[in-house]
Amino acid sequence: MKLSTYCKIYPSGDDPDSRILFLTKNAAKIQAPASLIDDIEKQQLSEEEMTDLREMGFLVDDAEAEKAEMLGFMERLNSMNKLFHAKVVMNLDCNLACIYCFEGTRKGKLYMAQETGDLLVEFIKKKVLPHKEEISLTFYGGEPLLSSGFIRRIAEQLKTLADAAGVKFSFALITNGTLLTPRVVDELKPLGLRLASVTLDGPGEVHDKYRPFTSGKGSFDTIFRNLKDVCDTISIQIGGNYTEGNYREFPRLLDYLIENGLTPERISDVQFDPVNNESEEFALPDFREGCASLNEPWLMEACVYLKEEILRRGYRTRRVTPITCMMEMRDSFVINYNGDIYKCAGLIGREEFCVGNVASGVRDYRQSHHLDNWKNERCLACAYLPICFGGCRYMKLIRDGNMDGIDCNKKHFDTVIGPLVMQDIRYGVNRT
């Protein structure tokens, strides 16, 4: 038997005679004597050791057979998936003037029409309800709560249909938090609202520089007040978008949260991510602080540093685990305000990547979105395949002008995965 291609081996802290084995296929991790590695290579394992390591996935009969099995990973995952998920863009309007706005020049007074909302409900009724056990929507924008009444209308219809069909229905919000008042939450929670993801870009003065109201006034205090008022009613995720110049300010935000009552037990999780660059077609002209690749050296330092600061204060955050891009998931979509369907929020407004419409359904997008870009010997032989699957097609599009080929982040993973896994072990992180 052989050690899995997708196993990484790391030193175990201060113990020179111990190793950490981490399996990227399923996030299994064990601490073992360094001699175990030699025993595997020399085929000198005991029967018990061999059985345990095989059951966990660390040992395989044949490396080539394991690679062949990985080729069918997405197909198996899709066949087992009982969930339909869609991000629904309610509008491209906003009451904030973020200097790096993700929608960029696509933003405007553009709202989903009632007719489009009805077509969305009909699409889910006919195409989804008969085949799924669970429906999960994420209302998105712009600022989705500028359309709170319409969200309520859509949720009421879908909850009624789902209840009648015996299907679970829930929804989340990706919101700037300025309109996430107790009244809004009390209205939406009975209809299926379970979670809101809210962005705080560092402590107050940093956040207000990057995410002011359209009037120019800072938004931090309004958002913070709303979070305190609703965090015991629904789950709250706190996100933050950092740059090379400000990521070291973010721990001060965590301290402020704790000092002012938003303690770890009141927050679902915290996750900070870098601001990405956008193409010239949609980018705001005065913002140049985003990143174009995970392989940028400062970003490798930032992700390890920020996760340590989050965990050290007792907040939950993502662990290192296999991930799947929504492009690869057959029943995961972004539905734009006009009913057009996409496979990534970053692609909205790019007509060449539209994959259908709620009125006409979804067309085949395997070739246009290069779904098989990772099915090559280089990727199959890479230990990071299960946490990468060819990288981010959107970032490749922004950087290279196309999604052909892979967005290889091996340099990034070589640098950060070991430290991140050790953080998970040290802080007992056992959740996605």
Protein backbone atom coordinates (compact mmCIF):
# COMPACT_ATOMS: atom_id res chain seq x y z
CA MET A 1 0.00 0.00 0.00
CA LYS A 2 1.07 3.59 -0.65
CA LEU A 3 0.64 6.91 1.03
CA SER A 4 -2.12 8.91 -0.66
CA THR A 5 -1.06 11.43 -3.31
CA TYR A 6 -3.21 13.93 -1.41
CA CYS A 7 -1.42 13.59 1.92
CA LYS A 8 0.85 16.35 3.20
CA ILE A 9 3.35 15.78 6.01
CA TYR A 10 4.34 18.57 8.38
CA PRO A 11 6.58 18.91 11.43
CA SER A 12 4.70 18.66 14.71
CA GLY A 13 5.54 21.80 16.59
CA ASP A 14 8.54 21.41 18.88
CA ASP A 15 8.62 17.60 18.75
CA PRO A 16 11.34 16.55 16.26
CA ASP A 17 10.26 12.91 16.47
CA SER A 18 6.64 13.56 15.52
CA ARG A 19 4.81 14.47 12.29
CA ILE A 20 1.38 15.74 11.32
CA LEU A 21 -0.25 13.91 8.40
CA PHE A 22 -2.97 15.97 6.73
CA LEU A 23 -5.22 14.53 4.03
CA THR A 24 -6.57 17.18 1.68
CA LYS A 25 -9.24 14.78 0.38
CA ASN A 26 -11.23 14.82 3.62
CA ALA A 27 -9.31 17.10 6.03
CA ALA A 28 -8.32 14.12 8.20
CA LYS A 29 -5.27 14.80 10.32
CA ILE A 30 -3.23 12.65 12.68
CA GLN A 31 -0.12 13.09 14.75
CA ALA A 32 2.26 10.16 14.38
CA PRO A 33 5.88 9.20 15.08
CA ALA A 34 8.25 10.22 12.31
CA SER A 35 9.20 6.57 12.04
CA LEU A 36 5.71 5.80 10.73
CA ILE A 37 6.61 7.44 7.41
CA ASP A 38 9.57 5.09 7.02
CA ASP A 39 7.38 2.12 8.00
CA ILE A 40 4.91 3.05 5.26
CA GLU A 41 7.64 3.34 2.64
CA LYS A 42 9.20 0.03 3.71
CA GLN A 43 5.83 -1.74 3.99
CA GLN A 44 6.50 -2.51 7.65
CA LEU A 45 3.21 -1.39 9.18
CA SER A 46 1.35 -3.58 11.61
CA GLU A 47 -2.02 -4.94 10.49
CA GLU A 48 -3.80 -2.58 12.88
CA GLU A 49 -1.87 0.48 11.66
CA MET A 50 -2.54 -0.44 8.04
CA THR A 51 -6.27 -0.90 8.65
CA ASP A 52 -6.64 2.40 10.52
CA LEU A 53 -4.69 4.43 7.97
CA ARG A 54 -6.56 2.87 5.09
CA GLU A 55 -9.98 3.54 6.62
CA MET A 56 -9.02 7.19 7.14
CA GLY A 57 -7.82 7.46 3.54
CA PHE A 58 -4.12 7.97 4.19
CA LEU A 59 -3.18 4.66 2.54
CA VAL A 60 -4.30 3.57 -0.92
CA ASP A 61 -3.74 0.38 -2.91
CA ASP A 62 -2.66 2.16 -6.07
CA ALA A 63 -1.76 5.81 -6.72
CA GLU A 64 -2.98 5.76 -10.31
CA ALA A 65 -6.31 4.27 -9.25
CA GLU A 66 -6.65 7.03 -6.66
CA LYS A 67 -6.11 9.69 -9.34
CA ALA A 68 -8.68 7.99 -11.55
CA GLU A 69 -11.12 8.06 -8.65
CA MET A 70 -10.56 11.79 -8.24
CA LEU A 71 -11.63 12.32 -11.85
CA GLY A 72 -15.15 11.33 -10.84
CA PHE A 73 -15.20 13.34 -7.61
CA MET A 74 -17.44 16.17 -8.83
CA GLU A 75 -19.84 13.80 -10.56
CA ARG A 76 -20.25 11.78 -7.35
CA LEU A 77 -20.66 14.93 -5.29
CA ASN A 78 -23.32 16.30 -7.62
CA SER A 79 -25.19 13.01 -7.73
CA MET A 80 -25.41 12.93 -3.91
CA ASN A 81 -26.31 16.60 -3.50
CA LYS A 82 -29.85 17.14 -2.26
CA LEU A 83 -29.53 20.93 -1.99
CA PHE A 84 -30.39 23.66 -4.48
CA HIS A 85 -28.66 26.96 -3.75
CA ALA A 86 -28.88 30.28 -5.54
CA LYS A 87 -27.57 33.75 -4.87
CA VAL A 88 -30.38 36.08 -5.92
CA VAL A 89 -29.29 39.60 -6.89
CA MET A 90 -32.24 41.73 -5.81
CA ASN A 91 -30.74 44.95 -7.11
CA LEU A 92 -27.47 46.64 -8.05
CA ASP A 93 -28.21 49.71 -5.97
CA CYS A 94 -26.61 50.57 -2.63
CA ASN A 95 -26.72 53.12 0.18
CA LEU A 96 -22.95 52.84 0.66
CA ALA A 97 -20.16 54.14 -1.57
CA CYS A 98 -17.45 51.52 -0.94
CA ILE A 99 -14.26 52.62 -2.63
CA TYR A 100 -13.60 49.09 -3.96
CA CYS A 101 -17.25 48.18 -4.76
CA PHE A 102 -17.39 44.59 -6.04
CA GLU A 103 -20.02 45.50 -8.65
CA GLY A 104 -17.99 48.52 -9.73
CA THR A 105 -19.47 50.33 -12.70
CA ARG A 106 -22.26 47.75 -12.95
CA LYS A 107 -23.91 49.43 -9.95
CA GLY A 108 -26.99 51.57 -10.55
CA LYS A 109 -30.72 51.95 -9.91
CA LEU A 110 -31.34 48.46 -11.21
CA TYR A 111 -33.97 46.40 -9.37
CA MET A 112 -35.59 43.03 -9.90
CA ALA A 113 -39.05 43.47 -11.41
CA GLN A 114 -42.09 41.70 -9.96
CA GLU A 115 -42.44 39.72 -13.19
CA THR A 116 -38.85 38.45 -12.83
CA GLY A 117 -39.48 37.50 -9.20
CA ASP A 118 -42.55 35.52 -10.26
CA LEU A 119 -40.51 33.75 -12.94
CA LEU A 120 -37.87 32.90 -10.32
CA VAL A 121 -40.54 31.34 -8.09
CA GLU A 122 -41.95 29.43 -11.07
CA PHE A 123 -38.45 28.25 -12.06
CA ILE A 124 -37.87 26.83 -8.58
CA LYS A 125 -41.37 25.34 -8.44
CA LYS A 126 -40.98 23.44 -11.71
CA LYS A 127 -37.24 22.78 -12.02
CA VAL A 128 -36.15 22.38 -8.40
CA LEU A 129 -38.90 21.34 -5.98
CA PRO A 130 -39.55 17.92 -7.60
CA HIS A 131 -35.87 16.93 -7.35
CA LYS A 132 -34.42 18.41 -4.16
CA GLU A 133 -34.83 17.97 -0.43
CA GLU A 134 -33.64 21.44 0.50
CA ILE A 135 -33.70 24.91 -1.06
CA SER A 136 -31.38 27.62 0.19
CA LEU A 137 -31.30 31.13 -1.24
CA THR A 138 -28.89 33.94 -0.46
CA PHE A 139 -30.31 37.38 -1.22
CA TYR A 140 -27.57 39.59 -2.55
CA GLY A 141 -26.97 42.96 -4.19
CA GLY A 142 -26.07 45.83 -4.34
CA GLU A 143 -27.79 46.01 -1.00
CA PRO A 144 -30.56 43.40 -0.87
CA LEU A 145 -32.42 45.03 2.03
CA LEU A 146 -33.25 47.98 -0.22
CA SER A 147 -35.65 45.35 -1.61
CA SER A 148 -36.76 43.92 1.73
CA GLY A 149 -40.45 43.98 0.82
CA PHE A 150 -39.78 42.01 -2.36
CA ILE A 151 -37.58 39.54 -0.47
CA ARG A 152 -40.51 38.99 1.89
CA ARG A 153 -42.86 38.36 -1.05
CA ILE A 154 -40.54 35.84 -2.73
CA ALA A 155 -39.79 34.05 0.54
CA GLU A 156 -43.50 33.78 1.42
CA GLN A 157 -44.28 32.12 -1.91
CA LEU A 158 -41.34 29.73 -1.79
CA LYS A 159 -41.91 28.76 1.83
CA THR A 160 -45.54 27.94 1.07
CA LEU A 161 -44.54 25.82 -1.94
CA ALA A 162 -41.71 24.10 -0.07
CA ASP A 163 -43.85 23.30 2.96
CA ALA A 164 -46.51 21.75 0.72
CA ALA A 165 -43.87 19.62 -1.03
CA GLY A 166 -42.12 18.57 2.18
CA VAL A 167 -38.95 20.40 1.16
CA LYS A 168 -36.85 22.44 3.59
CA PHE A 169 -36.58 26.12 2.70
CA SER A 170 -34.29 28.77 4.20
CA PHE A 171 -32.49 31.90 3.13
CA ALA A 172 -29.59 34.12 4.10
CA LEU A 173 -28.60 37.70 3.42
CA ILE A 174 -25.32 39.15 2.23
CA THR A 175 -25.86 42.68 3.44
CA ASN A 176 -23.87 45.73 4.44
CA GLY A 177 -25.84 45.66 7.69
CA THR A 178 -27.03 49.26 7.71
CA LEU A 179 -30.67 48.20 7.22
CA LEU A 180 -30.51 44.98 9.25
CA THR A 181 -32.78 46.26 11.99
CA PRO A 182 -34.70 44.17 14.53
CA ARG A 183 -37.95 45.00 12.71
CA VAL A 184 -36.63 43.65 9.40
CA VAL A 185 -35.25 40.51 11.06
CA ASP A 186 -38.50 39.88 12.95
CA GLU A 187 -40.42 40.13 9.66
CA LEU A 188 -38.11 37.83 7.70
CA LYS A 189 -37.19 35.17 10.26
CA PRO A 190 -40.61 33.39 10.20
CA LEU A 191 -40.23 33.11 6.42
CA GLY A 192 -36.91 31.26 6.64
CA LEU A 193 -34.19 33.84 7.37
CA ARG A 194 -31.45 32.00 9.24
CA LEU A 195 -28.26 33.99 8.73
CA ALA A 196 -26.88 37.35 7.69
CA SER A 197 -23.32 37.89 6.49
CA VAL A 198 -22.20 41.43 7.25
CA THR A 199 -18.96 43.19 6.32
CA LEU A 200 -16.85 45.20 8.75
CA ASP A 201 -13.62 46.35 7.13
CA GLY A 202 -11.55 46.77 10.26
CA PRO A 203 -12.01 49.13 13.22
CA GLY A 204 -14.29 52.14 12.84
CA GLU A 205 -11.96 54.64 11.23
CA VAL A 206 -10.61 52.09 8.74
CA HIS A 207 -14.05 50.72 7.88
CA ASP A 208 -15.51 54.19 7.40
CA LYS A 209 -12.74 55.08 4.95
CA TYR A 210 -13.53 52.07 2.78
CA ARG A 211 -17.31 51.77 3.31
CA PRO A 212 -18.93 55.18 3.90
CA PHE A 213 -22.57 56.01 3.21
CA THR A 214 -23.22 57.70 -0.13
CA SER A 215 -23.46 60.94 1.88
CA GLY A 216 -19.84 60.47 2.97
CA LYS A 217 -20.80 59.76 6.59
CA GLY A 218 -19.23 56.72 8.25
CA SER A 219 -21.34 53.54 8.43
CA PHE A 220 -19.53 51.58 11.16
CA ASP A 221 -21.59 52.73 14.15
CA THR A 222 -24.91 52.06 12.42
CA ILE A 223 -23.87 48.56 11.39
CA PHE A 224 -22.44 47.72 14.80
CA ARG A 225 -25.60 48.85 16.56
CA ASN A 226 -27.73 46.68 14.28
CA LEU A 227 -25.50 43.65 14.82
CA LYS A 228 -25.80 43.95 18.58
CA ASP A 229 -29.58 44.24 18.27
CA VAL A 230 -30.10 41.15 16.08
CA CYS A 231 -27.22 38.75 16.83
CA ASP A 232 -29.28 36.80 19.36
CA THR A 233 -32.19 36.42 16.91
CA ILE A 234 -30.40 35.05 13.82
CA SER A 235 -26.90 33.79 13.10
CA ILE A 236 -24.44 36.52 12.18
CA GLN A 237 -21.32 36.03 10.12
CA ILE A 238 -18.83 38.87 10.19
CA GLY A 239 -16.70 39.27 7.11
CA GLY A 240 -14.12 41.84 6.20
CA ASN A 241 -12.26 42.76 3.04
CA TYR A 242 -8.63 43.68 3.56
CA THR A 243 -5.78 45.09 1.49
CA GLU A 244 -2.02 44.89 1.82
CA GLY A 245 -2.05 48.29 3.48
CA ASN A 246 -4.67 47.65 6.16
CA TYR A 247 -4.87 43.97 7.11
CA ARG A 248 -2.83 44.47 10.28
CA GLU A 249 -5.53 46.82 11.56
CA PHE A 250 -8.17 44.08 11.64
CA PRO A 251 -7.25 42.60 15.05
CA ARG A 252 -8.30 45.94 16.55
CA LEU A 253 -11.77 45.26 15.16
CA LEU A 254 -11.87 41.92 16.98
CA ASP A 255 -10.87 43.59 20.24
CA TYR A 256 -13.56 46.23 19.75
CA LEU A 257 -16.19 43.53 19.16
CA ILE A 258 -15.28 41.79 22.40
CA GLU A 259 -15.05 44.99 24.45
CA ASN A 260 -18.47 46.12 23.23
CA GLY A 261 -20.47 42.92 23.61
CA LEU A 262 -20.19 41.08 20.29
CA THR A 263 -18.32 38.24 21.94
CA PRO A 264 -17.50 34.92 20.21
CA GLU A 265 -20.57 33.07 21.50
CA ARG A 266 -22.84 35.67 19.87
CA ILE A 267 -21.22 35.46 16.42
CA SER A 268 -21.47 32.45 14.10
CA ASP A 269 -18.02 32.95 12.59
CA VAL A 270 -15.55 35.52 11.33
CA GLN A 271 -13.78 35.40 7.99
CA PHE A 272 -11.54 38.04 6.47
CA ASP A 273 -10.74 37.93 2.74
CA PRO A 274 -8.62 40.07 0.42
CA VAL A 275 -10.11 42.60 -1.94
CA ASN A 276 -9.74 41.26 -5.48
CA ASN A 277 -8.96 43.32 -8.53
CA GLU A 278 -11.62 43.75 -11.20
CA SER A 279 -11.24 44.04 -14.96
CA GLU A 280 -11.03 47.50 -16.53
CA GLU A 281 -14.51 46.92 -17.90
CA PHE A 282 -16.11 47.19 -14.46
CA ALA A 283 -13.39 48.43 -12.07
CA LEU A 284 -13.79 51.71 -10.24
CA PRO A 285 -11.13 54.05 -11.70
CA ASP A 286 -9.58 55.25 -8.44
CA PHE A 287 -9.05 51.94 -6.62
CA ARG A 288 -5.79 50.02 -7.13
CA GLU A 289 -5.33 48.14 -3.83
CA GLY A 290 -6.75 44.72 -4.73
CA CYS A 291 -4.92 41.49 -5.40
CA ALA A 292 -4.78 39.50 -8.63
CA SER A 293 -3.50 36.17 -7.30
CA LEU A 294 -3.30 34.15 -4.09
CA ASN A 295 0.40 33.80 -4.84
CA GLU A 296 1.17 37.41 -3.91
CA PRO A 297 3.64 37.15 -0.98
CA TRP A 298 1.88 39.64 1.30
CA LEU A 299 -1.35 37.68 0.98
CA MET A 300 0.28 34.48 2.19
CA GLU A 301 1.39 36.29 5.32
CA ALA A 302 -1.96 38.01 5.80
CA CYS A 303 -4.17 34.90 5.71
CA VAL A 304 -2.09 33.07 8.35
CA TYR A 305 -1.77 36.18 10.52
CA LEU A 306 -5.49 37.01 10.47
CA LYS A 307 -6.66 33.46 11.14
CA GLU A 308 -4.37 33.32 14.18
CA GLU A 309 -5.80 36.59 15.49
CA ILE A 310 -9.38 35.37 14.98
CA LEU A 311 -8.83 32.02 16.71
CA ARG A 312 -6.74 33.49 19.51
CA ARG A 313 -9.70 35.61 20.58
CA GLY A 314 -12.08 32.66 20.55
CA TYR A 315 -14.03 33.36 17.35
CA ARG A 316 -14.85 30.56 14.93
CA THR A 317 -13.58 30.64 11.36
CA ARG A 318 -13.16 28.30 8.39
CA ARG A 319 -10.87 25.34 8.80
CA VAL A 320 -8.70 23.88 6.04
CA THR A 321 -11.02 21.51 4.23
CA PRO A 322 -11.88 20.36 0.69
CA ILE A 323 -13.80 23.06 -1.14
CA THR A 324 -15.93 23.15 -4.26
CA CYS A 325 -16.51 26.20 -6.40
CA MET A 326 -20.16 26.83 -7.26
CA MET A 327 -19.16 26.61 -10.93
CA GLU A 328 -18.65 22.89 -10.39
CA MET A 329 -21.91 22.37 -8.50
CA ARG A 330 -24.74 21.47 -10.86
CA ASP A 331 -27.47 23.00 -8.67
CA SER A 332 -25.78 26.22 -7.56
CA PHE A 333 -26.37 29.47 -9.44
CA VAL A 334 -26.34 33.25 -9.30
CA ILE A 335 -29.58 34.80 -10.54
CA ASN A 336 -29.21 38.41 -11.59
CA TYR A 337 -31.85 41.08 -11.03
CA ASN A 338 -33.03 40.69 -14.66
CA GLY A 339 -33.40 36.90 -14.38
CA ASP A 340 -30.18 35.99 -16.17
CA ILE A 341 -28.37 33.03 -14.62
CA TYR A 342 -24.62 32.86 -13.95
CA LYS A 343 -22.25 30.49 -12.21
CA CYS A 344 -20.29 33.12 -10.26
CA ALA A 345 -21.24 36.50 -8.79
CA GLY A 346 -18.14 38.00 -10.40
CA LEU A 347 -19.48 37.12 -13.85
CA ILE A 348 -22.78 39.01 -13.71
CA GLY A 349 -23.08 41.46 -16.57
CA ARG A 350 -20.64 39.50 -18.73
CA GLU A 351 -23.05 38.24 -21.37
CA GLU A 352 -20.64 35.62 -22.73
CA PHE A 353 -20.84 33.82 -19.38
CA CYS A 354 -24.61 33.95 -18.95
CA VAL A 355 -25.83 30.33 -18.76
CA GLY A 356 -29.57 30.89 -19.08
CA ASN A 357 -32.55 32.72 -17.66
CA VAL A 358 -35.29 31.92 -15.17
CA ALA A 359 -37.75 32.08 -18.07
CA SER A 360 -35.92 29.68 -20.39
CA GLY A 361 -33.86 27.53 -18.01
CA VAL A 362 -30.16 26.63 -17.91
CA ARG A 363 -28.08 25.66 -20.93
CA ASP A 364 -24.89 23.59 -21.09
CA TYR A 365 -21.91 25.60 -19.85
CA ARG A 366 -19.23 22.95 -19.42
CA GLN A 367 -17.05 24.21 -22.26
CA SER A 368 -17.63 27.95 -21.80
CA HIS A 369 -16.69 27.71 -18.11
CA HIS A 370 -13.87 25.16 -18.54
CA LEU A 371 -15.27 22.81 -15.91
CA ASP A 372 -12.70 20.13 -16.67
CA ASN A 373 -9.66 22.44 -16.48
CA TRP A 374 -8.26 20.46 -13.52
CA LYS A 375 -8.55 17.08 -15.27
CA ASN A 376 -4.89 16.96 -16.28
CA GLU A 377 -1.89 15.05 -14.97
CA ARG A 378 -0.35 18.10 -13.33
CA CYS A 379 -3.42 18.77 -11.17
CA LEU A 380 -4.20 15.10 -10.50
CA ALA A 381 -0.67 14.59 -9.18
CA CYS A 382 -0.86 17.67 -6.93
CA ALA A 383 -1.53 17.07 -3.23
CA TYR A 384 -3.64 20.25 -3.12
CA LEU A 385 -6.15 19.23 -5.79
CA PRO A 386 -9.05 18.61 -3.33
CA ILE A 387 -8.71 22.12 -1.88
CA CYS A 388 -8.15 23.81 -5.23
CA PHE A 389 -9.64 22.00 -8.26
CA GLY A 390 -7.82 24.21 -10.73
CA GLY A 391 -8.08 27.45 -8.79
CA CYS A 392 -10.43 30.39 -9.27
CA ARG A 393 -11.64 30.83 -12.83
CA TYR A 394 -12.86 34.34 -12.04
CA MET A 395 -9.44 35.49 -10.85
CA LYS A 396 -7.85 33.94 -13.92
CA LEU A 397 -10.32 35.79 -16.12
CA ILE A 398 -9.52 39.11 -14.43
CA ARG A 399 -5.77 38.51 -14.58
CA ASP A 400 -5.40 36.84 -18.00
CA GLY A 401 -8.56 37.81 -19.86
CA ASN A 402 -9.76 34.19 -20.17
CA MET A 403 -10.70 31.15 -18.09
CA ASP A 404 -8.79 28.66 -20.22
CA GLY A 405 -6.30 26.58 -18.23
CA ILE A 406 -5.80 26.63 -14.48
CA ASP A 407 -5.19 29.24 -11.81
CA CYS A 408 -2.39 27.39 -10.04
CA ASN A 409 -1.91 28.42 -6.41
CA LYS A 410 0.66 25.81 -5.42
CA LYS A 411 3.10 28.47 -4.24
CA HIS A 412 0.43 29.85 -1.91
CA PHE A 413 -0.55 26.42 -0.56
CA ASP A 414 3.07 25.38 -0.03
CA THR A 415 3.46 28.41 2.20
CA VAL A 416 0.20 28.55 4.15
CA ILE A 417 -1.45 25.12 4.44
CA GLY A 418 1.00 23.77 7.01
CA PRO A 419 0.63 26.76 9.37
CA LEU A 420 -3.16 26.83 8.87
CA VAL A 421 -3.49 23.12 9.69
CA MET A 422 -1.37 23.60 12.80
CA GLN A 423 -3.69 26.44 13.85
CA ASP A 424 -6.70 24.14 13.43
CA ILE A 425 -5.02 21.53 15.64
CA ARG A 426 -3.84 24.01 18.25
CA TYR A 427 -7.25 25.67 18.63
CA GLY A 428 -9.35 22.53 18.15
CA VAL A 429 -11.07 23.78 15.01
CA ASN A 430 -13.41 21.04 13.82
CA ARG A 431 -15.99 22.87 11.71
CA THR A 432 -16.12 24.10 8.13
